């Protein structure tokens, strides 16, 4: 910067001029840059394109464009138009400066405080130029003042600047064409500045009811009586004008101190920053943000230790919408977004580790005010760059900020690349309340429940699954657990007799409410009883008894059927005991209890001593009244009588009766051929036992 002919690469100049006069045309331009100061963004510039030929004796030796370029390169001050570069193209001089606009174009939009600060800025630049640099400005007016995008005023018109020793009467006569005729004498800058102040204040009168900036009438009177005094020797110096109360009220002093911060001592900084927030609360936040945002977020303020404790927490945070912290911060979210956020985004592009660490400390304060597009384009790329740095502290804070972006943008946009599911949700099914008025709000497992309509259930207890409990209207007794193959015994017979009685009781309305509980208890009891099974040998005999019982139920009355079942059970129990000795004690006790219960329910009967009553009675296969063939007993006269050999003549003969059921025919059919075949089959007895068998003839 400062070298002639160093044209910026990639410079883009607008076609439409912002301002045109006799000396140049002003254009807006944009230049790509990678400078650390601009954070890698585009640099906004103003291009002054000079005219090739300018007539006038005043510009005979040096043209106005050449003089302006030379003076801007020599006189540097924060309140003077900033020089960037210059070059010559097609015989025309080009001057690049910071982006500015003519004051006349924006004066109507300036507020009272902006006018006050602007006039003070021009006064400070004139003090530097005249009293320190020993130069003279011949044309101080609104045409020589420009305004930056941030609202700061800049002194320009340096084609009218000469060194103090070069100014003479001849030069002033040549400059009389553009100077005020009343402005005569040596101290013409005071008169010109007073005219500038009156012109600006006249155009920016405060609205009705607006108090405006204090001391404005006094300052207007001061300009007309002192700065425009006819006696030039009685005009005060410009540095004395700076002491007027109009330029020294509270807000102007704060602005001035922040701007001149590099010149202040450490003690002055500590005292200033410790009371700065309380002083700023006295002014409107809109005015504070618009005028002091760039100063409060400057590098000098951010890196100051006292400012980090006393200023930054109130500037980088926004006012809370509710709660106790509503008045802690200075700015509301709306003001924050409008004035502070553009500066923060610009600083986020800076590759300065200390600045980035400070911004990351308040990351969520301004990230939540940005939309997704701004986060992806202006925040996320710079965070990803910070993860590659060698500073461990910077990387750690950057990773925390990246984690804060995941809920906002999503992991796919923050991390990028191919992602897959590596972990599964191993939580158990959440307990679901069956009370529709007390639904659980805890997160459910990602695995769906077997039945999702559990909210319709009416039970008050929690269930593990989503299936509803049965209601009173649709309760059905739970089915008993079936015994395995070979595990049936006398308990099955008892259950068959007692089940119809239980069903009748459960059918009554008064018993419906307890049916579900009773069925559940029965299931538990039967489960305990069936854990001990009888031997399979005994079970075979019991199955045959069950078949016979089914036929007896159709023929015998209820009383005789019960007695017959009792007698049959007793016989089967005796035979089973002799055949197998492995029946469990619990099964025997259960049989005895069942038999006793059934016996007590029947009327008392006389015991029969005749053992023949215990023989199996042959019954007709077809009940009376049916037209089918009656059963014919082919083996009635063939019942064997086994006699034991007599040991003595006086001993009575003992007759052994054999169970005829073992030889009974399984099925009787009316087919004659089948009867003949069965008759020819014979008994198949051994010849060696022929003498011991006596065939009866009855």
Foldseek 3Di string as FASTA:
>chain_A
DLDEAPDAPPKDWDPDFQDDDQFWTKTKIWGQDCDLVQLRGIAIKIKTKTDQDHDAPLCVVHHLVVQQSVVLSVDDDPQAWHWDYWYDDPNIIMTITHDWHQCVVCLLVDALVLLLQQLLSVLVSVCCVCVPVQKDALAQASRQWIAHPLSHIHGGSSSRIDHNVPDDPVSVVRSVVRHDPLQDDDPSVLLSSLVRSVVSCVSHPDDPPDPGQPPPVVLNVCSVPASSPSPNVRHDDSVVNCPDVSCDDLVNVLLVCLVCVVVDDLVVVLVCLQCVVVSVLVDDLLVCLSRCLCSCLDPVQLPRPNSLPRPVVQALAAADPDDPRNPRHRHHLVSCVPRNVVVLLSQLSRPDQSSVVSCLVSVVRCVVSDAPVCCLPRPLVSLVVQCPDPDPVSNVSSVVSLVVCCVVNNPCSNVNDDDDDDDADPDAADWAACDLVDGDPDDGHPDAFPDQPSVPADDGDTDRGSDHDDDLVPDDQDDADDADPLQDDCVVVVCVVCVVVVVVVCPDPVNSVCRHVVSVVVNVVVVVVSVAGFGSVLVVVVVVVVVVLVVVVVPDDPQVSLVVVLLVVVVSVVVVVVVDVPHDPSVVVVVVVSSVVSVVVHDDDDDDPDPVVSADDDDWPDDPPDPDDTADDPCPQFQKWFWDDDPDPPDDIDTDHDRCVVVDDPDGDPDPVVVVVVVVVDDPDDPVCVVRIDGGGD
